[in-house]
Amino acid sequence: MAPSPQGDANDAARYWEQRYQAGSQPWDLGQPAPPLRAIAQEFRAQKITGTMAVLGCGRGHDALLFAAAGLTVTGFDFAATAVHQARSLAQQHQLPVTYHHQDIFTLDATWNQTFDYVLEHTCFCAIAPHQRPDYVALVHRLLRPGGRVIGLFFTHSRSGGPPYGCSVAELKALFCPPLHLISLEPAIHSILSRQGEEHVGYFQR
């Protein structure tokens, strides 16, 4: 059995790497999440451009979605198999997404204020809950002034995880400050098994 994802960084990396190698990825829809599709469509319609970081990008479905909408996208994941598969998918779709095999919590200062957007989906819910303040500090320093977090958050109330749930009140308390809340609303395009358990949030630096 894989070690708990709540262990140290090496244990967590091995845990997720084994999940990808075994093909045990129930969080992976094999396509972008429907609530994010609607957001990407707005980007495309308004011809919005800029740089975007996708943290815990997995196989890269969401990264590809926003690259196709016109953004310059960089994905990060510490599971080598996930990054390999993401790069293969980007090549298949002929989209210039850059992927890095790296623990997001070890990103150095050269990444500070690099991105106009940070996309969150299935990373915040996968890390150990005690790491959440560090996650918020990370996205704050990755964002340029005025940059935004676009998040699809799991807001279920079940015990245990991953995915670890989080209430709306907890999200607001964690992200604000250092970020400013723009909106945090129930997702309206969730897949059936996640309906009523997802919120779409926008936070700004």
Protein backbone atom coordinates (compact mmCIF):
# COMPACT_ATOMS: atom_id res chain seq x y z
CA MET A 1 0.00 0.00 0.00
CA ALA A 2 1.22 3.49 -0.79
CA PRO A 3 2.21 5.68 2.17
CA SER A 4 -0.16 8.30 3.45
CA PRO A 5 -0.19 11.59 1.51
CA GLN A 6 -0.02 13.32 4.91
CA GLY A 7 3.58 12.14 5.45
CA ASP A 8 6.67 14.10 4.45
CA ALA A 9 7.21 15.39 0.92
CA ASN A 10 8.98 12.23 -0.24
CA ASP A 11 6.18 10.02 1.10
CA ALA A 12 3.57 12.18 -0.59
CA ALA A 13 5.41 12.12 -3.90
CA ARG A 14 5.67 8.33 -3.76
CA TYR A 15 1.99 8.04 -2.87
CA TRP A 16 0.82 10.04 -5.90
CA GLU A 17 3.40 8.52 -8.22
CA GLN A 18 2.13 5.04 -7.31
CA ARG A 19 -1.45 6.14 -7.92
CA TYR A 20 -0.56 7.32 -11.42
CA GLN A 21 1.50 4.24 -12.20
CA ALA A 22 -1.38 2.01 -11.07
CA GLY A 23 -3.93 3.99 -13.08
CA SER A 24 -5.84 4.67 -9.85
CA GLN A 25 -6.93 8.24 -10.54
CA PRO A 26 -10.63 8.65 -9.71
CA TRP A 27 -10.18 12.43 -9.54
CA ASP A 28 -9.06 12.47 -13.18
CA LEU A 29 -12.11 12.89 -15.40
CA GLY A 30 -10.17 12.22 -18.59
CA GLN A 31 -11.16 15.72 -19.69
CA PRO A 32 -11.28 19.25 -18.25
CA ALA A 33 -13.74 19.83 -15.42
CA PRO A 34 -17.02 21.19 -16.84
CA PRO A 35 -17.11 24.27 -14.56
CA LEU A 36 -13.67 25.22 -15.87
CA ARG A 37 -14.81 24.78 -19.47
CA ALA A 38 -17.30 27.60 -18.98
CA ILE A 39 -14.56 29.87 -17.59
CA ALA A 40 -12.19 29.05 -20.46
CA GLN A 41 -14.95 29.85 -22.93
CA GLU A 42 -15.22 33.31 -21.38
CA PHE A 43 -11.46 33.78 -21.74
CA ARG A 44 -11.64 32.81 -25.38
CA ALA A 45 -14.69 34.97 -26.10
CA GLN A 46 -13.10 38.03 -24.46
CA LYS A 47 -9.68 37.26 -25.99
CA ILE A 48 -8.06 37.33 -22.56
CA THR A 49 -4.38 36.43 -22.58
CA GLY A 50 -1.66 36.17 -19.96
CA THR A 51 0.33 33.62 -18.01
CA MET A 52 -1.20 30.86 -15.90
CA ALA A 53 0.25 28.36 -13.42
CA VAL A 54 -1.59 25.08 -12.88
CA LEU A 55 -0.54 23.60 -9.55
CA GLY A 56 -0.74 19.84 -9.14
CA CYS A 57 -1.60 19.69 -12.83
CA GLY A 58 -1.81 15.89 -13.07
CA ARG A 59 -2.26 14.70 -16.64
CA GLY A 60 -2.82 18.28 -17.78
CA HIS A 61 -6.43 18.33 -18.98
CA ASP A 62 -7.18 21.70 -17.37
CA ALA A 63 -3.83 23.15 -18.46
CA LEU A 64 -4.60 22.21 -22.07
CA LEU A 65 -8.03 23.79 -21.79
CA PHE A 66 -6.63 27.21 -20.94
CA ALA A 67 -3.74 26.91 -23.37
CA ALA A 68 -6.30 26.31 -26.12
CA ALA A 69 -8.12 29.44 -24.92
CA GLY A 70 -5.00 31.52 -25.57
CA LEU A 71 -3.07 31.64 -22.30
CA THR A 72 0.59 30.80 -21.77
CA VAL A 73 0.35 27.89 -19.35
CA THR A 74 2.89 26.27 -17.03
CA GLY A 75 1.99 23.10 -15.10
CA PHE A 76 3.65 21.68 -11.99
CA ASP A 77 3.34 18.22 -10.48
CA PHE A 78 5.63 16.05 -8.36
CA ALA A 79 4.44 12.76 -9.85
CA ALA A 80 6.82 11.95 -12.70
CA THR A 81 4.27 9.74 -14.46
CA ALA A 82 1.68 12.50 -14.40
CA VAL A 83 4.12 14.97 -15.96
CA HIS A 84 5.15 12.47 -18.63
CA GLN A 85 1.51 11.85 -19.54
CA ALA A 86 0.75 15.59 -19.52
CA ARG A 87 3.61 16.28 -21.91
CA SER A 88 2.40 13.51 -24.22
CA LEU A 89 -1.14 14.94 -24.24
CA ALA A 90 0.17 18.43 -25.00
CA GLN A 91 2.15 17.04 -27.92
CA GLN A 92 -0.89 15.16 -29.21
CA HIS A 93 -2.98 18.34 -29.07
CA GLN A 94 -0.10 20.45 -30.42
CA LEU A 95 -0.40 22.93 -27.58
CA PRO A 96 2.71 24.61 -26.12
CA VAL A 97 2.19 23.91 -22.42
CA THR A 98 5.35 23.80 -20.29
CA TYR A 99 5.43 21.20 -17.52
CA HIS A 100 7.79 20.92 -14.55
CA HIS A 101 8.30 17.79 -12.45
CA GLN A 102 8.57 19.51 -9.09
CA ASP A 103 7.04 19.76 -5.64
CA ILE A 104 5.16 23.06 -5.69
CA PHE A 105 6.34 23.85 -2.16
CA THR A 106 9.96 23.88 -3.36
CA LEU A 107 9.49 26.48 -6.11
CA ASP A 108 12.20 29.09 -5.65
CA ALA A 109 12.06 32.88 -5.80
CA THR A 110 12.63 32.98 -9.55
CA TRP A 111 8.93 32.13 -9.90
CA ASN A 112 7.77 35.04 -7.74
CA GLN A 113 5.23 37.35 -9.42
CA THR A 114 5.45 35.36 -12.66
CA PHE A 115 1.79 34.60 -13.30
CA ASP A 116 -1.36 36.53 -14.09
CA TYR A 117 -3.46 33.54 -13.01
CA VAL A 118 -3.09 30.49 -10.81
CA LEU A 119 -5.54 27.71 -11.59
CA GLU A 120 -6.61 25.49 -8.70
CA HIS A 121 -8.35 22.16 -9.23
CA THR A 122 -7.67 18.97 -7.23
CA CYS A 123 -4.42 20.24 -5.70
CA PHE A 124 -5.74 22.11 -2.65
CA CYS A 125 -7.95 19.12 -1.79
CA ALA A 126 -5.08 16.64 -2.24
CA ILE A 127 -2.43 18.18 -0.01
CA ALA A 128 -2.54 17.55 3.72
CA PRO A 129 -4.83 20.13 5.40
CA HIS A 130 -1.98 21.44 7.56
CA GLN A 131 -0.23 22.56 4.34
CA ARG A 132 -3.04 24.85 3.27
CA PRO A 133 -1.59 28.07 4.74
CA ASP A 134 1.66 27.31 2.88
CA TYR A 135 -0.35 26.76 -0.30
CA VAL A 136 -2.02 30.17 0.04
CA ALA A 137 1.35 31.82 0.69
CA LEU A 138 2.70 30.11 -2.44
CA VAL A 139 -0.06 31.28 -4.77
CA HIS A 140 0.24 34.79 -3.34
CA ARG A 141 3.93 35.00 -4.22
CA LEU A 142 3.47 33.39 -7.66
CA LEU A 143 0.89 35.98 -8.68
CA ARG A 144 1.73 39.36 -10.12
CA PRO A 145 0.04 42.33 -8.42
CA GLY A 146 -3.56 42.24 -9.59
CA GLY A 147 -3.24 38.56 -10.54
CA ARG A 148 -6.01 36.11 -9.75
CA VAL A 149 -6.56 32.64 -8.40
CA ILE A 150 -9.26 30.75 -10.28
CA GLY A 151 -10.29 27.80 -8.14
CA LEU A 152 -12.65 24.86 -8.39
CA PHE A 153 -12.76 23.74 -4.76
CA PHE A 154 -14.16 20.57 -3.19
CA THR A 155 -16.51 21.80 -0.45
CA HIS A 156 -17.82 18.44 0.77
CA SER A 157 -18.14 17.76 4.50
CA ARG A 158 -17.06 14.11 4.57
CA SER A 159 -14.28 13.15 6.96
CA GLY A 160 -10.90 12.01 5.75
CA GLY A 161 -9.39 12.26 2.32
CA PRO A 162 -7.98 12.91 -0.14
CA PRO A 163 -9.93 14.67 -1.43
CA TYR A 164 -10.06 16.67 1.80
CA GLY A 165 -13.11 18.89 1.99
CA CYS A 166 -13.22 22.52 3.00
CA SER A 167 -16.09 24.81 3.91
CA VAL A 168 -16.76 28.16 2.28
CA ALA A 169 -15.99 29.87 5.57
CA GLU A 170 -12.64 28.06 5.81
CA LEU A 171 -11.72 29.05 2.25
CA LYS A 172 -12.46 32.69 2.97
CA ALA A 173 -10.45 32.59 6.21
CA LEU A 174 -7.47 30.92 4.52
CA PHE A 175 -7.25 33.09 1.41
CA CYS A 176 -8.32 36.47 2.79
CA PRO A 177 -5.84 37.94 3.62
CA PRO A 178 -3.41 37.86 1.87
CA LEU A 179 -5.74 37.83 -1.15
CA HIS A 180 -8.96 39.68 -1.83
CA LEU A 181 -12.16 37.72 -2.41
CA ILE A 182 -13.89 38.49 -5.70
CA SER A 183 -16.49 35.71 -5.63
CA LEU A 184 -17.05 32.23 -4.22
CA GLU A 185 -20.19 30.54 -5.50
CA PRO A 186 -21.53 26.99 -5.93
CA ALA A 187 -20.43 25.42 -9.21
CA ILE A 188 -23.32 25.02 -11.64
CA HIS A 189 -21.78 22.68 -14.21
CA SER A 190 -20.37 19.95 -11.94
CA ILE A 191 -20.43 16.32 -12.99
CA LEU A 192 -23.22 14.33 -11.34
CA SER A 193 -21.07 12.73 -8.64
CA ARG A 194 -19.76 16.15 -7.54
CA GLN A 195 -22.93 18.21 -7.71
CA GLY A 196 -23.43 20.24 -4.55
CA GLU A 197 -19.84 19.61 -3.50
CA GLU A 198 -17.90 22.17 -5.55
CA HIS A 199 -17.49 25.94 -5.43
CA VAL A 200 -15.88 28.23 -8.00
CA GLY A 201 -13.77 30.92 -6.40
CA TYR A 202 -11.92 33.98 -7.64
CA PHE A 203 -9.33 35.65 -5.43
CA GLN A 204 -7.09 38.56 -6.37
CA ARG A 205 -3.68 39.69 -5.22
